[in-house]
C-alpha cells in the first residue's frame, strides 16, 4: 500500500485520535487546577471530558478493527493501526487516572498537606509527552517516540523523591491520613508515566514493526554502534535506520532474540540477543572459547553491550537449517548426510577437549532442582506408594529420594567440553557449505559428555511427531547417536557409560515433561524415567555397589527406552 493509500485508510482514525489526545490533555489540565483550587464546576468538566474520551476511544477502536479486516493493507499499515489502538487505550487510562486523582481530594482534611509537594514538574513532563503523541505515531518518528518513553523515567524520578519525603513525614507522625491520600494522588501521576511509556513503545512498534521495550531498543542502538566501531572484527556497518528488525522468539529464560536484516544486500544480517547480564556474559565467553577451539563452529560475536542488569550481544547470522528441521522435513539421504557432519564435528570436539579428570554429573540433583517446575505443570506426578498383589510400588518422590545415592556412585572417568543444552534445534547445518554450527552455548563447560548425549536423544523423543517417515528418522538418529557415543566410551575405557546414560536419560525425560502439556505423553516420559531409575537401583542392590569404585560395566541400557 502506498503512503497516500495508507493516509486515506486511516484519515478518519487520525482525526479522532487528534481529538482524544486533545481532550486528555485538557482533562489533565483541569486536574492540575483542581489540585490547586478544588471547585465543583471544574470537577463536572472533568467527568464530562472523561465520558467524551471513553466515547472517542470506542470509536477509534471500532474503526481500527474494521480497518484490520481489509486484506489489501500492507504489514506496515497494520502495524500502525495496532499501535494506534494501543496508544488510544493508554490515553483513556491517562484520563481515568486524572479522574482518580480528583476523586482522592474528598479524603483530604486539609489541602496544606497536599500543597507541601509540587506537582508542576509531573504535569510538565506529562504534557510534553502528550503534545508529541500524534506526530510520533503517524509520522513514525523514532526520536519523538523515545522522548515519550523518557518522560516515564523523569516521572519515576519525581515520584521517588515525593515518596521518600512522604515516608519521612509519616515517620514523624504528621497528618498521616492526609499524607497517605497525597501518596495515592502522586501514585496516579506515576502510573500516568507508565501509560506514556506504553504509548511510546507503541510508536516504536509502528516504526520498526516489532514489539520492543524502550530498554531493548536502546540496547539495540548501543550494541549496533559498538559493533560498527570495532576495528578488530569484521565490521557490521549497520545503522538502525538501515535495517529491518524481525523478532524471532523470547526464550524461557527471558532473553529476547531478533534478526536484523540489512536493506543493503552488500551488508551482513546479524542476530541481536538481550537478556540478564550474567547469562549473556556467560554466552559471550562460551562463544569466544568455542571460536578459539574451532573457528566458525559458533556464531561470531560482533558486539557486546552491558547496560546494568541487562546485556546484549550482536552475533553472526548463520546460514543453514536446524538439524531438527532437517530430520523432520528432508529425505533419508539428506538426513544421513547432515547427521554424519554433526557426529564428525562433535567427535572432534570431544577428542580435542578430553581431560582425564573424573567428573560427577549429579543427574539426580539436577532432576531434583527442576521438580518444583515439573509439579506445577504435572501435579499428578506426586504419586503415593501402592501395592499390586505382592508387588510394592514406591511413590514417585520416594523413588527419587532412593535415587539420590546414585549421584555419588556414578562418576565419569573423564570430562570434555559440552554444549550444555544440546537439543537438536541448537545445531545448525549448512549442507551446501558442508558446515555445522552450534548456538545457545551459555551453559557450555567441561563436563560429562553424557549430559549432551541424553539431552540430544530426549530432544528427539519428546517431539510429538508420529508421522511414520519423520518419526523413523528421529528414532534412527537417536539409536545411531547412542552407538556413536558408545564407541567413544569404549575407546576411552568408560565402563559406567550405560549406567550414567540411563540416569542422564531419566533426568532429561522427567525435566522435559514441564514443556509437554499432553497428559498421556508426559506420563509416558515420567514412567520411562522411573523405569530407568528402578533398573539402576536394582543393579546397585544386586551387585552391592557402595561407592564410586563399584563395577557398573555389567549394566546394559535397554535400547527400547531411547525412543517413544
Protein backbone atom coordinates (compact mmCIF):
# COMPACT_ATOMS: atom_id res chain seq x y z
CA UNK A 1 0.00 0.00 0.00
CA UNK A 2 1.36 3.45 -0.93
CA UNK A 3 1.74 6.21 1.65
CA UNK A 4 -1.20 8.00 0.03
CA UNK A 5 -3.38 4.92 0.28
CA UNK A 6 -2.40 4.46 3.91
CA UNK A 7 -3.24 8.10 4.67
CA UNK A 8 -6.68 7.67 3.13
CA UNK A 9 -7.30 4.46 5.06
CA UNK A 10 -6.52 5.97 8.45
CA UNK A 11 -7.65 9.57 7.88
CA UNK A 12 -10.80 9.11 9.95
CA UNK A 13 -8.90 7.40 12.74
CA UNK A 14 -6.30 10.15 12.81
CA UNK A 15 -8.92 12.86 13.20
CA UNK A 16 -10.47 11.03 16.16
CA UNK A 17 -7.01 10.46 17.61
CA UNK A 18 -6.26 14.20 17.48
CA UNK A 19 -9.42 14.83 19.49
CA UNK A 20 -8.75 12.17 22.12
CA UNK A 21 -5.19 13.43 22.68
CA UNK A 22 -6.52 16.98 22.98
CA UNK A 23 -9.33 16.02 25.37
CA UNK A 24 -6.99 14.02 27.59
CA UNK A 25 -4.63 17.00 27.75
CA UNK A 26 -7.50 19.33 28.71
CA UNK A 27 -8.73 16.85 31.33
CA UNK A 28 -5.29 16.70 32.93
CA UNK A 29 -5.01 20.48 32.85
CA UNK A 30 -8.29 20.65 34.76
CA UNK A 31 -6.90 18.01 37.13
CA UNK A 32 -3.87 20.23 37.75
CA UNK A 33 -6.18 23.17 38.56
CA UNK A 34 -8.22 21.01 40.93
CA UNK A 35 -5.12 20.16 42.95
CA UNK A 36 -4.52 23.88 43.47
CA UNK A 37 -8.12 25.02 43.98
CA UNK A 38 -10.83 22.32 44.02
CA UNK A 39 -14.13 23.58 42.56
CA UNK A 40 -17.31 21.71 41.73
CA UNK A 41 -17.66 23.20 38.25
CA UNK A 42 -14.14 22.03 37.31
CA UNK A 43 -14.94 18.58 38.66
CA UNK A 44 -18.04 18.47 36.46
CA UNK A 45 -15.94 19.37 33.41
CA UNK A 46 -13.51 16.56 34.20
CA UNK A 47 -16.29 13.98 34.44
CA UNK A 48 -17.83 15.19 31.16
CA UNK A 49 -14.46 15.07 29.40
CA UNK A 50 -13.85 11.55 30.71
CA UNK A 51 -17.15 10.41 29.18
CA UNK A 52 -16.17 12.01 25.87
CA UNK A 53 -12.74 10.32 25.99
CA UNK A 54 -14.45 6.96 26.56
CA UNK A 55 -16.66 7.54 23.52
CA UNK A 56 -13.71 8.58 21.34
CA UNK A 57 -11.77 5.52 22.47
CA UNK A 58 -14.67 3.26 21.43
CA UNK A 59 -14.95 4.99 18.06
CA UNK A 60 -11.23 4.64 17.35
CA UNK A 61 -11.21 1.02 18.49
CA UNK A 62 -14.14 0.14 16.22
CA UNK A 63 -12.57 1.90 13.24
CA UNK A 64 -9.25 0.13 13.83
CA UNK A 65 -10.93 -3.27 13.98
CA UNK A 66 -12.85 -2.56 10.78
CA UNK A 67 -9.67 -1.46 9.02
CA UNK A 68 -7.88 -4.64 10.05
CA UNK A 69 -10.42 -6.69 8.10
CA UNK A 70 -9.13 -5.10 4.87
CA UNK A 71 -6.93 -7.68 3.17
CA UNK A 72 -5.30 -5.00 1.00
CA UNK A 73 -3.47 -3.43 3.94
CA UNK A 74 0.28 -3.99 3.97
CA UNK A 75 2.17 -5.02 7.10
CA UNK A 76 3.37 -1.50 7.90
CA UNK A 77 -0.17 -0.11 7.87
CA UNK A 78 -1.43 -2.99 10.01
CA UNK A 79 1.37 -2.27 12.49
CA UNK A 80 0.39 1.40 12.59
CA UNK A 81 -3.28 0.56 13.21
CA UNK A 82 -2.34 -1.80 16.04
CA UNK A 83 -0.11 0.90 17.54
CA UNK A 84 -2.91 3.47 17.30
CA UNK A 85 -5.22 1.13 19.19
CA UNK A 86 -2.65 0.56 21.96
CA UNK A 87 -1.98 4.30 22.24
CA UNK A 88 -5.70 5.07 22.37
CA UNK A 89 -6.27 2.59 25.19
CA UNK A 90 -3.46 4.16 27.17
CA UNK A 91 -4.73 7.68 26.56
CA UNK A 92 -8.04 6.54 28.02
CA UNK A 93 -6.13 5.18 31.03
CA UNK A 94 -4.45 8.57 31.48
CA UNK A 95 -7.88 10.22 31.55
CA UNK A 96 -9.05 7.68 34.14
CA UNK A 97 -6.01 8.46 36.29
CA UNK A 98 -6.97 12.14 36.17
CA UNK A 99 -10.47 11.30 37.40
CA UNK A 100 -8.99 9.08 40.12
CA UNK A 101 -6.71 11.91 41.26
CA UNK A 102 -9.51 14.41 41.78
CA UNK A 103 -11.59 11.66 43.40
CA UNK A 104 -8.95 11.45 46.15
CA UNK A 105 -9.42 15.10 47.10
CA UNK A 106 -12.57 14.31 49.09
CA UNK A 107 -10.44 12.34 51.56
CA UNK A 108 -8.18 15.28 52.40
CA UNK A 109 -8.91 17.01 55.69
CA UNK A 110 -6.51 19.83 54.90
CA UNK A 111 -5.16 20.91 51.50
CA UNK A 112 -2.00 22.24 53.14
CA UNK A 113 -0.59 18.71 53.32
CA UNK A 114 -1.05 18.25 49.57
CA UNK A 115 0.37 21.70 48.80
CA UNK A 116 3.63 20.90 50.58
CA UNK A 117 4.51 18.93 47.44
CA UNK A 118 4.87 20.41 43.96
CA UNK A 119 3.00 18.55 41.21
CA UNK A 120 4.03 21.04 38.50
CA UNK A 121 7.08 19.04 37.27
CA UNK A 122 4.88 15.94 36.92
CA UNK A 123 2.34 17.74 34.78
CA UNK A 124 5.06 19.45 32.72
CA UNK A 125 6.56 16.04 31.83
CA UNK A 126 3.13 14.56 31.06
CA UNK A 127 2.04 17.49 28.86
CA UNK A 128 5.35 17.38 26.98
CA UNK A 129 4.74 13.72 26.19
CA UNK A 130 1.11 14.17 25.21
CA UNK A 131 1.99 17.05 22.87
CA UNK A 132 4.01 14.80 20.56
CA UNK A 133 1.98 11.58 20.69
CA UNK A 134 0.19 12.14 17.38
CA UNK A 135 3.33 13.01 15.42
CA UNK A 136 5.31 10.15 16.98
CA UNK A 137 2.68 7.67 15.82
CA UNK A 138 1.52 8.92 12.46
CA UNK A 139 4.91 10.17 11.26
CA UNK A 140 6.58 7.05 12.67
CA UNK A 141 9.12 9.38 14.28
CA UNK A 142 11.54 7.33 16.37
CA UNK A 143 13.06 10.39 18.04
CA UNK A 144 9.66 11.55 19.28
CA UNK A 145 8.74 8.03 20.38
CA UNK A 146 11.85 7.89 22.54
CA UNK A 147 11.06 11.32 24.01
CA UNK A 148 7.68 9.99 25.13
CA UNK A 149 9.36 6.95 26.69
CA UNK A 150 11.89 9.13 28.51
CA UNK A 151 9.03 11.07 30.12
CA UNK A 152 8.27 7.93 32.13
CA UNK A 153 11.81 7.88 33.54
CA UNK A 154 11.55 11.55 34.52
CA UNK A 155 8.20 10.98 36.24
CA UNK A 156 9.57 7.94 38.08
CA UNK A 157 12.43 10.04 39.49
CA UNK A 158 10.00 12.77 40.57
CA UNK A 159 7.73 10.22 42.23
CA UNK A 160 10.63 8.63 44.11
CA UNK A 161 11.55 11.99 45.65
CA UNK A 162 7.95 12.63 46.74
CA UNK A 163 7.62 9.07 48.07
CA UNK A 164 10.72 9.41 50.27
CA UNK A 165 9.52 12.76 51.64
CA UNK A 166 6.07 11.38 52.45
CA UNK A 167 7.62 8.37 54.20
CA UNK A 168 9.79 10.70 56.30
CA UNK A 169 6.76 12.81 57.23
CA UNK A 170 4.77 9.70 58.13
CA UNK A 171 7.54 8.54 60.45
CA UNK A 172 7.35 11.96 62.11
CA UNK A 173 3.62 11.43 62.66
CA UNK A 174 2.47 14.46 60.69
CA UNK A 175 -1.17 14.19 59.46
CA UNK A 176 -0.88 10.51 58.43
CA UNK A 177 -4.33 10.32 56.80
CA UNK A 178 -3.69 13.30 54.51
CA UNK A 179 -0.18 12.05 53.73
CA UNK A 180 -1.50 8.65 52.64
CA UNK A 181 -4.09 10.34 50.41
CA UNK A 182 -1.37 12.56 48.94
CA UNK A 183 0.72 9.46 48.23
CA UNK A 184 -2.22 7.93 46.34
CA UNK A 185 -2.54 11.09 44.23
CA UNK A 186 1.12 11.02 43.26
CA UNK A 187 0.93 7.30 42.63
CA UNK A 188 -1.71 8.00 39.95
CA UNK A 189 0.65 10.57 38.41
CA UNK A 190 3.40 7.92 38.39
CA UNK A 191 1.05 5.46 36.68
CA UNK A 192 0.34 8.11 34.06
CA UNK A 193 4.05 7.89 33.24
CA UNK A 194 3.67 4.14 32.76
CA UNK A 195 0.85 4.78 30.28
CA UNK A 196 3.07 7.23 28.39
CA UNK A 197 5.76 4.56 28.20
CA UNK A 198 3.24 2.17 26.65
CA UNK A 199 2.32 4.86 24.10
CA UNK A 200 5.99 5.48 23.26
CA UNK A 201 6.65 1.78 22.81
CA UNK A 202 3.57 1.55 20.57
CA UNK A 203 5.09 4.29 18.42
CA UNK A 204 8.35 2.31 18.28
CA UNK A 205 6.33 -0.72 17.16
CA UNK A 206 4.72 1.35 14.40
CA UNK A 207 8.20 2.36 13.25
CA UNK A 208 10.14 -0.92 13.37
CA UNK A 209 7.28 -3.43 13.16
CA UNK A 210 8.24 -5.35 16.30
CA UNK A 211 7.27 -5.07 19.95
CA UNK A 212 10.40 -3.68 21.56
CA UNK A 213 10.57 -2.25 25.04
CA UNK A 214 12.44 1.05 25.07
CA UNK A 215 15.26 -0.56 27.06
CA UNK A 216 15.62 -3.21 24.36
CA UNK A 217 15.54 -0.61 21.61
CA UNK A 218 18.24 1.46 23.30
CA UNK A 219 20.31 -1.68 23.88
CA UNK A 220 19.94 -2.49 20.18
CA UNK A 221 21.07 1.00 19.20
CA UNK A 222 24.08 0.94 21.50
CA UNK A 223 25.11 -2.59 20.57
CA UNK A 224 24.97 -1.76 16.87
CA UNK A 225 27.02 1.37 17.47
CA UNK A 226 29.65 -0.60 19.39
CA UNK A 227 29.78 -3.29 16.73
CA UNK A 228 30.21 -0.80 13.91
CA UNK A 229 33.11 0.80 15.71
CA UNK A 230 35.10 -2.39 16.29
CA UNK A 231 38.29 -2.40 14.28
CA UNK A 232 39.48 -5.82 15.37
CA UNK A 233 36.49 -7.62 13.94
CA UNK A 234 34.68 -7.88 10.65
CA UNK A 235 32.70 -4.62 10.54
CA UNK A 236 28.97 -4.95 10.68
CA UNK A 237 28.48 -1.48 9.23
CA UNK A 238 24.80 -1.29 10.17
CA UNK A 239 22.79 1.63 11.45
CA UNK A 240 19.35 1.09 12.93
CA UNK A 241 17.84 3.20 10.17
CA UNK A 242 19.27 0.76 7.60
CA UNK A 243 17.80 -2.48 8.92
CA UNK A 244 14.55 -4.36 9.24
CA UNK A 245 14.10 -5.89 12.69
CA UNK A 246 12.42 -9.28 12.90
CA UNK A 247 11.70 -10.77 16.30
CA UNK A 248 12.39 -14.50 16.43
CA UNK A 249 11.40 -15.52 19.93
CA UNK A 250 11.57 -14.78 23.62
CA UNK A 251 13.31 -17.63 25.43
CA UNK A 252 12.06 -19.33 28.59
CA UNK A 253 14.87 -17.60 30.49
CA UNK A 254 13.63 -14.18 29.41
CA UNK A 255 16.18 -13.48 26.70
CA UNK A 256 14.89 -11.74 23.60
CA UNK A 257 16.27 -12.75 20.22
CA UNK A 258 15.76 -10.89 16.97
CA UNK A 259 17.22 -10.69 13.50
CA UNK A 260 18.45 -7.54 11.81
CA UNK A 261 18.26 -7.75 8.04
CA UNK A 262 20.27 -5.14 6.17
CA UNK A 263 18.27 -3.41 3.45
CA UNK A 264 21.56 -3.07 1.57
CA UNK A 265 22.30 -6.59 0.29
CA UNK A 266 26.05 -5.90 0.42
CA UNK A 267 25.92 -5.76 4.22
CA UNK A 268 25.56 -8.69 6.57
CA UNK A 269 22.48 -9.67 8.55
CA UNK A 270 23.03 -10.21 12.27
CA UNK A 271 21.28 -11.65 15.32
CA UNK A 272 20.53 -9.47 18.34
CA UNK A 273 20.17 -11.09 21.75
CA UNK A 274 19.34 -9.35 25.01
CA UNK A 275 18.90 -10.85 28.47
CA UNK A 276 20.19 -10.93 32.02
CA UNK A 277 23.80 -9.75 32.17
CA UNK A 278 25.11 -12.91 33.84
CA UNK A 279 23.62 -15.20 31.18
CA UNK A 280 24.59 -13.01 28.25
CA UNK A 281 28.15 -12.66 29.54
CA UNK A 282 28.35 -16.43 30.06
CA UNK A 283 27.28 -16.92 26.45
CA UNK A 284 29.80 -14.38 25.16
CA UNK A 285 32.66 -16.09 26.99
CA UNK A 286 31.49 -19.52 25.84
CA UNK A 287 31.25 -18.37 22.22
CA UNK A 288 34.77 -16.98 22.37
CA UNK A 289 36.03 -20.22 23.88
CA UNK A 290 34.42 -22.32 21.15
CA UNK A 291 35.70 -19.94 18.48
CA UNK A 292 39.24 -20.50 19.74
CA UNK A 293 38.67 -24.26 19.76
CA UNK A 294 37.26 -24.46 16.23
CA UNK A 295 36.80 -21.19 14.32
CA UNK A 296 33.42 -20.97 12.62
CA UNK A 297 31.73 -23.55 14.84
CA UNK A 298 29.83 -20.97 16.94
CA UNK A 299 28.44 -17.67 15.62
CA UNK A 300 30.97 -14.84 15.77
CA UNK A 301 30.46 -12.10 18.35
CA UNK A 302 30.27 -8.71 16.60
CA UNK A 303 29.23 -6.62 19.57
CA UNK A 304 28.58 -6.72 23.31
CA UNK A 305 26.95 -4.06 25.44
CA UNK A 306 26.45 -4.16 29.22
CA UNK A 307 23.65 -1.92 30.49
CA UNK A 308 23.31 -2.78 34.17
CA UNK A 309 21.24 -5.84 34.95
CA UNK A 310 20.75 -6.49 31.22
CA UNK A 311 23.29 -7.01 28.46
CA UNK A 312 23.10 -7.61 24.74
CA UNK A 313 25.04 -9.40 22.04
CA UNK A 314 25.26 -8.89 18.31
CA UNK A 315 26.01 -12.23 16.67
CA UNK A 316 26.77 -13.55 13.23
CA UNK A 317 23.68 -14.77 11.40
CA UNK A 318 24.37 -18.38 10.44
CA UNK A 319 23.09 -19.74 7.15
CA UNK A 320 21.53 -23.19 7.24
CA UNK A 321 18.77 -25.20 8.89
CA UNK A 322 18.48 -26.65 12.36
CA UNK A 323 19.28 -30.33 12.49
CA UNK A 324 15.80 -30.89 13.92
CA UNK A 325 14.21 -29.26 10.87
CA UNK A 326 16.33 -31.41 8.55
CA UNK A 327 15.23 -34.60 10.31
CA UNK A 328 11.58 -33.58 10.06
CA UNK A 329 11.49 -32.21 6.52
CA UNK A 330 14.25 -33.88 4.49
CA UNK A 331 14.55 -37.33 2.98
CA UNK A 332 16.69 -40.08 4.46
CA UNK A 333 19.73 -39.35 2.28
CA UNK A 334 19.89 -35.69 3.28
CA UNK A 335 19.29 -36.56 6.93
CA UNK A 336 22.13 -39.11 6.86
CA UNK A 337 24.48 -36.58 5.31
CA UNK A 338 23.62 -33.96 7.94
CA UNK A 339 23.93 -36.47 10.78
CA UNK A 340 27.36 -37.56 9.57
CA UNK A 341 28.52 -33.94 9.61
CA UNK A 342 27.18 -33.48 13.14
CA UNK A 343 28.88 -36.52 14.68
CA UNK A 344 32.16 -35.76 12.91
CA UNK A 345 32.08 -32.29 14.45
CA UNK A 346 31.15 -33.47 17.94
CA UNK A 347 33.71 -36.26 17.79
CA UNK A 348 36.46 -33.72 17.02
CA UNK A 349 35.39 -31.53 19.93
CA UNK A 350 35.33 -34.45 22.35
CA UNK A 351 38.75 -35.65 21.21
CA UNK A 352 40.31 -32.19 21.41
CA UNK A 353 38.93 -31.28 24.84
CA UNK A 354 39.09 -34.61 26.68
CA UNK A 355 40.67 -34.30 30.12
CA UNK A 356 41.38 -37.30 32.34
CA UNK A 357 39.69 -35.61 35.28
CA UNK A 358 36.87 -37.56 36.97
CA UNK A 359 33.54 -35.77 36.76
CA UNK A 360 30.41 -36.27 38.84
CA UNK A 361 27.40 -35.26 36.74
CA UNK A 362 24.91 -35.28 39.65
CA UNK A 363 21.99 -36.09 37.38
CA UNK A 364 19.64 -36.76 40.31
CA UNK A 365 20.48 -33.41 41.89
CA UNK A 366 19.80 -31.71 38.56
CA UNK A 367 16.49 -33.54 38.33
CA UNK A 368 15.51 -32.59 41.88
CA UNK A 369 16.18 -28.90 41.25
CA UNK A 370 13.60 -28.97 38.44
CA UNK A 371 10.95 -30.90 40.36
CA UNK A 372 9.01 -27.83 41.59
CA UNK A 373 8.57 -26.69 37.97
CA UNK A 374 7.58 -30.21 36.92
CA UNK A 375 4.97 -30.47 39.68
CA UNK A 376 3.48 -27.10 38.75
CA UNK A 377 2.71 -28.46 35.30
CA UNK A 378 2.02 -32.07 36.33
CA UNK A 379 0.82 -32.24 39.96
CA UNK A 380 -0.47 -35.72 39.15
CA UNK A 381 3.14 -36.97 39.24
CA UNK A 382 3.05 -36.80 43.05
CA UNK A 383 2.05 -40.44 43.38
CA UNK A 384 1.87 -42.37 46.63
CA UNK A 385 3.14 -45.85 47.37
CA UNK A 386 0.89 -48.63 46.11
CA UNK A 387 0.68 -52.41 46.10
CA UNK A 388 -0.25 -54.64 43.18
CA UNK A 389 -0.75 -58.17 44.56
CA UNK A 390 2.63 -58.97 46.11
CA UNK A 391 4.43 -56.15 44.25
CA UNK A 392 5.17 -53.00 46.23
CA UNK A 393 5.35 -49.84 44.08
CA UNK A 394 7.05 -46.85 45.74
CA UNK A 395 5.65 -43.36 45.40
CA UNK A 396 7.31 -41.09 42.86
CA UNK A 397 9.10 -38.86 45.36
CA UNK A 398 10.12 -41.86 47.44
CA UNK A 399 11.77 -43.34 44.36
CA UNK A 400 13.65 -40.11 43.73
CA UNK A 401 14.82 -39.99 47.33
CA UNK A 402 16.19 -43.51 46.95
CA UNK A 403 17.93 -42.45 43.73
CA UNK A 404 19.94 -39.72 45.47
CA UNK A 405 22.67 -42.23 46.28
CA UNK A 406 23.31 -42.83 42.56
CA UNK A 407 24.94 -39.41 42.18
CA UNK A 408 27.87 -40.39 44.38
CA UNK A 409 28.21 -43.83 42.76
CA UNK A 410 28.21 -42.82 39.09
CA UNK A 411 31.32 -40.84 38.20
CA UNK A 412 32.62 -40.21 34.69
CA UNK A 413 36.31 -41.13 34.27
CA UNK A 414 36.96 -38.01 32.17
CA UNK A 415 35.33 -34.80 31.01
CA UNK A 416 35.03 -32.95 27.71
CA UNK A 417 33.76 -29.54 26.66
CA UNK A 418 30.00 -29.98 26.37
CA UNK A 419 27.39 -27.80 24.72
CA UNK A 420 25.21 -27.77 27.82
CA UNK A 421 21.86 -27.60 26.01
CA UNK A 422 22.40 -30.00 23.13
CA UNK A 423 18.90 -30.01 21.70
CA UNK A 424 18.73 -30.75 18.01
CA UNK A 425 17.38 -27.25 17.33
CA UNK A 426 20.61 -25.77 18.72
CA UNK A 427 22.59 -27.39 15.89
CA UNK A 428 22.72 -25.51 12.57
CA UNK A 429 23.71 -27.48 9.47
CA UNK A 430 24.65 -25.74 6.23
CA UNK A 431 24.51 -28.58 3.74
CA UNK A 432 25.81 -26.67 0.66
CA UNK A 433 28.81 -25.41 2.64
CA UNK A 434 29.30 -28.75 4.45
CA UNK A 435 29.49 -26.94 7.79
CA UNK A 436 28.00 -27.36 11.26
CA UNK A 437 27.41 -24.59 13.80
CA UNK A 438 26.34 -24.61 17.43
CA UNK A 439 24.16 -21.93 19.03
CA UNK A 440 22.86 -21.09 22.52
CA UNK A 441 26.10 -22.05 24.24
CA UNK A 442 25.72 -20.20 27.55
CA UNK A 443 25.63 -23.48 29.54
CA UNK A 444 28.79 -24.81 27.91
CA UNK A 445 31.50 -26.10 30.27
CA UNK A 446 33.86 -29.06 30.81
CA UNK A 447 31.56 -31.85 31.99
CA UNK A 448 30.37 -35.41 31.47
CA UNK A 449 29.64 -35.82 27.75
CA UNK A 450 26.61 -37.96 28.58
CA UNK A 451 24.79 -34.79 29.64
CA UNK A 452 24.81 -33.74 25.97
CA UNK A 453 24.07 -37.27 24.75
CA UNK A 454 20.98 -37.63 26.94
CA UNK A 455 19.67 -34.16 26.06
CA UNK A 456 20.15 -34.86 22.34
CA UNK A 457 18.26 -38.17 22.49
CA UNK A 458 15.40 -36.80 24.60
CA UNK A 459 15.04 -33.74 22.35
CA UNK A 460 14.06 -36.25 19.63
CA UNK A 461 11.98 -38.38 22.00
CA UNK A 462 9.77 -35.53 23.22
CA UNK A 463 8.75 -34.33 19.74
CA UNK A 464 5.13 -35.33 19.27
CA UNK A 465 5.76 -36.48 15.71
CA UNK A 466 4.03 -39.73 14.80
CA UNK A 467 4.05 -39.48 11.01
CA UNK A 468 5.96 -42.67 10.02
CA UNK A 469 8.66 -41.02 7.89
CA UNK A 470 9.86 -38.26 10.24
CA UNK A 471 9.39 -40.44 13.32
CA UNK A 472 11.50 -43.17 11.77
CA UNK A 473 14.29 -40.67 11.03
CA UNK A 474 14.17 -39.24 14.57
CA UNK A 475 14.36 -42.69 16.14
CA UNK A 476 17.13 -43.83 13.80
CA UNK A 477 19.22 -40.77 14.63
CA UNK A 478 18.73 -41.39 18.36
CA UNK A 479 19.87 -45.00 18.06
CA UNK A 480 22.84 -44.08 15.89
CA UNK A 481 23.87 -41.29 18.24
CA UNK A 482 23.81 -43.79 21.10
CA UNK A 483 26.05 -46.11 19.06
CA UNK A 484 28.40 -43.21 18.26
CA UNK A 485 28.69 -42.27 21.94
CA UNK A 486 29.07 -45.93 22.91
CA UNK A 487 32.00 -46.27 20.52
CA UNK A 488 33.63 -43.19 22.05
CA UNK A 489 33.12 -44.67 25.53
CA UNK A 490 34.72 -47.98 24.54
CA UNK A 491 37.69 -46.17 23.03
CA UNK A 492 38.29 -44.33 26.30
CA UNK A 493 37.53 -47.10 28.81
CA UNK A 494 34.29 -45.61 30.12
CA UNK A 495 32.91 -48.65 31.97
CA UNK A 496 29.88 -46.92 33.51
CA UNK A 497 28.67 -45.47 30.18
CA UNK A 498 25.32 -47.30 30.03
CA UNK A 499 24.53 -46.68 33.70
CA UNK A 500 25.30 -42.95 33.59
CA UNK A 501 23.44 -42.56 30.32
CA UNK A 502 20.41 -44.30 31.84
CA UNK A 503 20.44 -41.79 34.70
CA UNK A 504 21.01 -38.90 32.30
CA UNK A 505 18.05 -40.04 30.20
CA UNK A 506 15.91 -40.35 33.34
CA UNK A 507 16.83 -36.80 34.26
CA UNK A 508 16.16 -35.38 30.78
CA UNK A 509 12.91 -37.29 30.29
CA UNK A 510 11.46 -36.11 33.57
CA UNK A 511 12.58 -32.48 33.42
CA UNK A 512 11.33 -32.21 29.83
CA UNK A 513 7.78 -33.01 30.93
CA UNK A 514 7.41 -29.41 32.12
CA UNK A 515 7.28 -28.44 28.44
CA UNK A 516 4.85 -31.23 27.48
CA UNK A 517 1.18 -30.49 28.13
CA UNK A 518 -0.24 -33.73 26.73
CA UNK A 519 -1.11 -35.77 29.86
CA UNK A 520 -0.69 -39.16 28.20
CA UNK A 521 2.65 -38.40 26.55
CA UNK A 522 4.07 -36.66 29.62
CA UNK A 523 3.08 -39.65 31.76
CA UNK A 524 4.86 -41.95 29.30
CA UNK A 525 8.01 -39.87 29.75
CA UNK A 526 7.67 -39.88 33.54
CA UNK A 527 7.16 -43.66 33.68
CA UNK A 528 10.13 -44.19 31.35
CA UNK A 529 12.23 -42.11 33.74
CA UNK A 530 11.05 -44.13 36.75
CA UNK A 531 11.76 -47.39 34.93
CA UNK A 532 15.37 -46.37 34.26
CA UNK A 533 15.90 -45.33 37.87
CA UNK A 534 14.41 -48.59 39.13
CA UNK A 535 16.74 -50.56 36.84
CA UNK A 536 19.77 -48.70 38.22
CA UNK A 537 18.73 -49.16 41.85
CA UNK A 538 18.08 -52.87 41.29
CA UNK A 539 21.51 -53.32 39.68
CA UNK A 540 23.18 -51.46 42.52
CA UNK A 541 21.49 -53.66 45.12
CA UNK A 542 22.23 -56.89 43.25
CA UNK A 543 25.90 -56.01 42.80
CA UNK A 544 26.32 -54.44 46.24
CA UNK A 545 27.76 -51.16 44.93
CA UNK A 546 28.55 -48.85 47.85
CA UNK A 547 31.00 -46.31 46.43
CA UNK A 548 32.29 -44.87 43.16
CA UNK A 549 34.70 -47.77 42.76
CA UNK A 550 31.76 -50.11 42.17
CA UNK A 551 31.59 -52.01 38.89
CA UNK A 552 28.81 -50.81 36.58
CA UNK A 553 30.23 -52.43 33.46
CA UNK A 554 27.60 -55.18 33.57
CA UNK A 555 24.69 -52.77 33.42
CA UNK A 556 23.06 -52.76 29.99
CA UNK A 557 20.82 -49.93 28.89
CA UNK A 558 17.51 -51.09 27.46
CA UNK A 559 17.72 -49.54 23.98
CA UNK A 560 13.93 -49.53 23.71
CA UNK A 561 13.98 -46.61 26.15
CA UNK A 562 15.70 -44.37 23.59
CA UNK A 563 12.56 -43.90 21.51
CA UNK A 564 8.82 -43.43 22.26
